[in-house]
Amino acid sequence: MGKNLDKNNRLDLRVSNDEREVVVNTLGLAMSEGRLTLVEYEQRLDAVWASTTRGDLAEVVRDLPAAEKSTAVDVAHTRSEWREYLDEWRWWFGGAVVMNGIWAVQWISDGEPTSYWPLWPLGIWGIILIAMVFMPEDEKTDKD
């Protein structure tokens, strides 16, 4: 709600959809933290979308602490880290399909099963991916 407030912070000014979205996000964060029940959350959402002035919006969140921007950023950053991690596993799976395909063609062309060589690259790659959970990258090196 803060980016569109004028210098007087007048509560009688009409609200925009962007201002309503900010309050909706604040309510969602409050519900995820356990500050609101689902019923309260739904009631307040109805009030947000029915509000016409900044005063109406301020009334909806008056008993909630101000949402910290860092909390929302941290949640988004954590989600993107996990998404990247799961993408690494998709690459691993793709590599597994290709390597197993090559091994199967080799098996068929030889007429007998050969040693299962994809175990070595896939095993090492998998160990590295599992280690990434326990040994995350240093954030300072990412920013440099």
C-alpha atoms as a PDB file:
ATOM      1  CA  MET A   1       0.000   0.000   0.000  1.00  0.00           C
ATOM      2  CA  GLY A   2       2.985   2.280   0.538  1.00  0.00           C
ATOM      3  CA  LYS A   3       4.189   2.965  -2.998  1.00  0.00           C
ATOM      4  CA  ASN A   4       1.050   4.810  -4.107  1.00  0.00           C
ATOM      5  CA  LEU A   5       0.503   6.883  -0.959  1.00  0.00           C
ATOM      6  CA  ASP A   6       0.859  10.617  -1.401  1.00  0.00           C
ATOM      7  CA  LYS A   7       2.803  12.763   1.068  1.00  0.00           C
ATOM      8  CA  ASN A   8      -0.286  13.417   3.181  1.00  0.00           C
ATOM      9  CA  ASN A   9      -1.203   9.715   3.534  1.00  0.00           C
ATOM     10  CA  ARG A  10      -4.839  10.675   3.093  1.00  0.00           C
ATOM     11  CA  LEU A  11      -7.159   7.817   3.983  1.00  0.00           C
ATOM     12  CA  ASP A  12     -10.062   9.229   1.958  1.00  0.00           C
ATOM     13  CA  LEU A  13      -8.340   8.701  -1.411  1.00  0.00           C
ATOM     14  CA  ARG A  14      -9.652   5.939  -3.654  1.00  0.00           C
ATOM     15  CA  VAL A  15      -7.570   2.760  -3.889  1.00  0.00           C
ATOM     16  CA  SER A  16      -6.151   1.067  -6.949  1.00  0.00           C
ATOM     17  CA  ASN A  17      -6.050  -2.650  -7.679  1.00  0.00           C
ATOM     18  CA  ASP A  18      -2.289  -2.583  -7.032  1.00  0.00           C
ATOM     19  CA  GLU A  19      -2.899  -1.284  -3.513  1.00  0.00           C
ATOM     20  CA  ARG A  20      -5.512  -3.988  -2.954  1.00  0.00           C
ATOM     21  CA  GLU A  21      -3.038  -6.653  -4.162  1.00  0.00           C
ATOM     22  CA  VAL A  22      -0.462  -5.483  -1.617  1.00  0.00           C
ATOM     23  CA  VAL A  23      -3.017  -5.887   1.180  1.00  0.00           C
ATOM     24  CA  VAL A  24      -4.064  -9.308  -0.180  1.00  0.00           C
ATOM     25  CA  ASN A  25      -0.414 -10.401  -0.052  1.00  0.00           C
ATOM     26  CA  THR A  26      -0.131  -9.103   3.516  1.00  0.00           C
ATOM     27  CA  LEU A  27      -3.222 -11.094   4.498  1.00  0.00           C
ATOM     28  CA  GLY A  28      -1.848 -14.222   2.834  1.00  0.00           C
ATOM     29  CA  LEU A  29       1.398 -13.880   4.758  1.00  0.00           C
ATOM     30  CA  ALA A  30      -0.521 -13.336   8.001  1.00  0.00           C
ATOM     31  CA  MET A  31      -2.582 -16.472   7.371  1.00  0.00           C
ATOM     32  CA  SER A  32       0.526 -18.521   6.576  1.00  0.00           C
ATOM     33  CA  GLU A  33       2.067 -17.338   9.848  1.00  0.00           C
ATOM     34  CA  GLY A  34      -1.052 -18.408  11.767  1.00  0.00           C
ATOM     35  CA  ARG A  35      -2.227 -14.892  12.594  1.00  0.00           C
ATOM     36  CA  LEU A  36      -5.527 -15.406  10.747  1.00  0.00           C
ATOM     37  CA  THR A  37      -7.852 -18.357  10.415  1.00  0.00           C
ATOM     38  CA  LEU A  38      -9.142 -19.361   7.010  1.00  0.00           C
ATOM     39  CA  VAL A  39     -12.536 -17.845   7.791  1.00  0.00           C
ATOM     40  CA  GLU A  40     -10.990 -14.533   8.891  1.00  0.00           C
ATOM     41  CA  TYR A  41      -8.788 -14.535   5.804  1.00  0.00           C
ATOM     42  CA  GLU A  42     -11.775 -14.997   3.488  1.00  0.00           C
ATOM     43  CA  GLN A  43     -13.768 -12.296   5.274  1.00  0.00           C
ATOM     44  CA  ARG A  44     -10.905  -9.857   5.013  1.00  0.00           C
ATOM     45  CA  LEU A  45     -10.361 -10.692   1.343  1.00  0.00           C
ATOM     46  CA  ASP A  46     -13.993  -9.826   0.676  1.00  0.00           C
ATOM     47  CA  ALA A  47     -13.487  -6.561   2.555  1.00  0.00           C
ATOM     48  CA  VAL A  48     -10.334  -5.755   0.556  1.00  0.00           C
ATOM     49  CA  TRP A  49     -12.030  -6.181  -2.798  1.00  0.00           C
ATOM     50  CA  ALA A  50     -15.068  -4.217  -1.592  1.00  0.00           C
ATOM     51  CA  SER A  51     -12.943  -1.340  -0.271  1.00  0.00           C
ATOM     52  CA  THR A  52     -13.006   1.969  -2.083  1.00  0.00           C
ATOM     53  CA  THR A  53     -10.689   4.151   0.020  1.00  0.00           C
ATOM     54  CA  ARG A  54      -7.319   3.768   1.669  1.00  0.00           C
ATOM     55  CA  GLY A  55      -9.052   4.044   5.026  1.00  0.00           C
ATOM     56  CA  ASP A  56     -11.094   0.936   4.197  1.00  0.00           C
ATOM     57  CA  LEU A  57      -7.881  -0.952   3.381  1.00  0.00           C
ATOM     58  CA  ALA A  58      -6.126   0.279   6.519  1.00  0.00           C
ATOM     59  CA  GLU A  59      -9.040  -0.996   8.614  1.00  0.00           C
ATOM     60  CA  VAL A  60      -8.647  -4.505   7.165  1.00  0.00           C
ATOM     61  CA  VAL A  61      -5.036  -4.813   8.361  1.00  0.00           C
ATOM     62  CA  ARG A  62      -5.076  -2.547  11.410  1.00  0.00           C
ATOM     63  CA  ASP A  63      -4.547  -5.415  13.913  1.00  0.00           C
ATOM     64  CA  LEU A  64      -1.768  -7.086  11.884  1.00  0.00           C
ATOM     65  CA  PRO A  65       1.932  -6.232  12.031  1.00  0.00           C
ATOM     66  CA  ALA A  66       3.376  -4.569   8.956  1.00  0.00           C
ATOM     67  CA  ALA A  67       4.622  -7.133   6.477  1.00  0.00           C
ATOM     68  CA  GLU A  68       8.364  -7.050   6.057  1.00  0.00           C
ATOM     69  CA  LYS A  69       9.473  -6.962   2.454  1.00  0.00           C
ATOM     70  CA  SER A  70      12.417  -9.162   3.336  1.00  0.00           C
ATOM     71  CA  THR A  71      10.074 -11.976   4.404  1.00  0.00           C
ATOM     72  CA  ALA A  72       8.334 -12.028   1.040  1.00  0.00           C
ATOM     73  CA  VAL A  73      11.672 -11.812  -0.760  1.00  0.00           C
ATOM     74  CA  ASP A  74      13.114 -14.631   1.389  1.00  0.00           C
ATOM     75  CA  VAL A  75      10.151 -16.888   0.602  1.00  0.00           C
ATOM     76  CA  ALA A  76      10.478 -16.191  -3.128  1.00  0.00           C
ATOM     77  CA  HIS A  77      14.257 -16.721  -2.982  1.00  0.00           C
ATOM     78  CA  THR A  78      13.842 -20.045  -1.155  1.00  0.00           C
ATOM     79  CA  ARG A  79      11.283 -21.210  -3.696  1.00  0.00           C
ATOM     80  CA  SER A  80      13.570 -20.323  -6.585  1.00  0.00           C
ATOM     81  CA  GLU A  81      16.485 -22.182  -4.938  1.00  0.00           C
ATOM     82  CA  TRP A  82      14.383 -25.326  -4.594  1.00  0.00           C
ATOM     83  CA  ARG A  83      13.125 -24.965  -8.141  1.00  0.00           C
ATOM     84  CA  GLU A  84      16.715 -24.781  -9.377  1.00  0.00           C
ATOM     85  CA  TYR A  85      17.589 -27.845  -7.291  1.00  0.00           C
ATOM     86  CA  LEU A  86      14.688 -29.826  -8.742  1.00  0.00           C
ATOM     87  CA  ASP A  87      15.725 -28.711 -12.222  1.00  0.00           C
ATOM     88  CA  GLU A  88      19.131 -30.287 -11.562  1.00  0.00           C
ATOM     89  CA  TRP A  89      17.371 -33.546 -10.781  1.00  0.00           C
ATOM     90  CA  ARG A  90      15.427 -33.287 -14.051  1.00  0.00           C
ATOM     91  CA  TRP A  91      18.745 -32.982 -15.894  1.00  0.00           C
ATOM     92  CA  TRP A  92      19.963 -36.043 -13.987  1.00  0.00           C
ATOM     93  CA  PHE A  93      16.860 -37.966 -15.020  1.00  0.00           C
ATOM     94  CA  GLY A  94      17.347 -36.911 -18.656  1.00  0.00           C
ATOM     95  CA  GLY A  95      20.947 -38.086 -18.492  1.00  0.00           C
ATOM     96  CA  ALA A  96      19.760 -41.363 -16.970  1.00  0.00           C
ATOM     97  CA  VAL A  97      17.347 -41.914 -19.852  1.00  0.00           C
ATOM     98  CA  VAL A  98      20.038 -41.227 -22.459  1.00  0.00           C
ATOM     99  CA  MET A  99      22.702 -43.355 -20.749  1.00  0.00           C
ATOM    100  CA  ASN A 100      20.304 -46.246 -20.160  1.00  0.00           C
ATOM    101  CA  GLY A 101      19.241 -46.022 -23.792  1.00  0.00           C
ATOM    102  CA  ILE A 102      22.847 -46.278 -24.938  1.00  0.00           C
ATOM    103  CA  TRP A 103      23.460 -49.170 -22.550  1.00  0.00           C
ATOM    104  CA  ALA A 104      20.305 -50.977 -23.806  1.00  0.00           C
ATOM    105  CA  VAL A 105      21.350 -50.560 -27.454  1.00  0.00           C
ATOM    106  CA  GLN A 106      24.796 -51.875 -26.559  1.00  0.00           C
ATOM    107  CA  TRP A 107      23.217 -54.837 -24.734  1.00  0.00           C
ATOM    108  CA  ILE A 108      20.964 -55.666 -27.694  1.00  0.00           C
ATOM    109  CA  SER A 109      23.769 -55.343 -30.242  1.00  0.00           C
ATOM    110  CA  ASP A 110      26.116 -57.560 -28.183  1.00  0.00           C
ATOM    111  CA  GLY A 111      23.403 -60.139 -27.568  1.00  0.00           C
ATOM    112  CA  GLU A 112      24.193 -60.385 -23.873  1.00  0.00           C
ATOM    113  CA  PRO A 113      24.059 -57.996 -20.929  1.00  0.00           C
ATOM    114  CA  THR A 114      27.245 -56.061 -20.342  1.00  0.00           C
ATOM    115  CA  SER A 115      28.292 -54.430 -17.108  1.00  0.00           C
ATOM    116  CA  TYR A 116      25.930 -51.658 -16.115  1.00  0.00           C
ATOM    117  CA  TRP A 117      28.283 -48.722 -16.751  1.00  0.00           C
ATOM    118  CA  PRO A 118      25.644 -45.920 -16.332  1.00  0.00           C
ATOM    119  CA  LEU A 119      25.802 -46.648 -12.601  1.00  0.00           C
ATOM    120  CA  TRP A 120      29.113 -44.782 -12.314  1.00  0.00           C
ATOM    121  CA  PRO A 121      28.266 -41.410 -13.886  1.00  0.00           C
ATOM    122  CA  LEU A 122      24.709 -41.414 -12.551  1.00  0.00           C
ATOM    123  CA  GLY A 123      25.848 -42.441  -9.084  1.00  0.00           C
ATOM    124  CA  ILE A 124      28.509 -39.752  -8.871  1.00  0.00           C
ATOM    125  CA  TRP A 125      26.111 -37.136 -10.273  1.00  0.00           C
ATOM    126  CA  GLY A 126      23.413 -38.195  -7.775  1.00  0.00           C
ATOM    127  CA  ILE A 127      25.836 -38.007  -4.837  1.00  0.00           C
ATOM    128  CA  ILE A 128      26.788 -34.487  -5.879  1.00  0.00           C
ATOM    129  CA  LEU A 129      23.122 -33.465  -6.086  1.00  0.00           C
ATOM    130  CA  ILE A 130      22.401 -34.914  -2.638  1.00  0.00           C
ATOM    131  CA  ALA A 131      25.478 -33.158  -1.248  1.00  0.00           C
ATOM    132  CA  MET A 132      24.111 -29.850  -2.562  1.00  0.00           C
ATOM    133  CA  VAL A 133      21.355 -30.043   0.073  1.00  0.00           C
ATOM    134  CA  PHE A 134      23.829 -30.355   2.923  1.00  0.00           C
ATOM    135  CA  MET A 135      26.509 -28.026   1.557  1.00  0.00           C
ATOM    136  CA  PRO A 136      24.789 -25.023  -0.068  1.00  0.00           C
ATOM    137  CA  GLU A 137      26.762 -22.586  -2.175  1.00  0.00           C
ATOM    138  CA  ASP A 138      28.296 -19.508  -0.593  1.00  0.00           C
ATOM    139  CA  GLU A 139      26.061 -16.518  -1.412  1.00  0.00           C
ATOM    140  CA  LYS A 140      29.026 -14.128  -1.587  1.00  0.00           C
ATOM    141  CA  THR A 141      30.455 -15.936  -4.603  1.00  0.00           C
ATOM    142  CA  ASP A 142      27.109 -15.643  -6.392  1.00  0.00           C
ATOM    143  CA  LYS A 143      27.039 -11.862  -5.991  1.00  0.00           C
ATOM    144  CA  ASP A 144      30.591 -11.291  -7.226  1.00  0.00           C
END
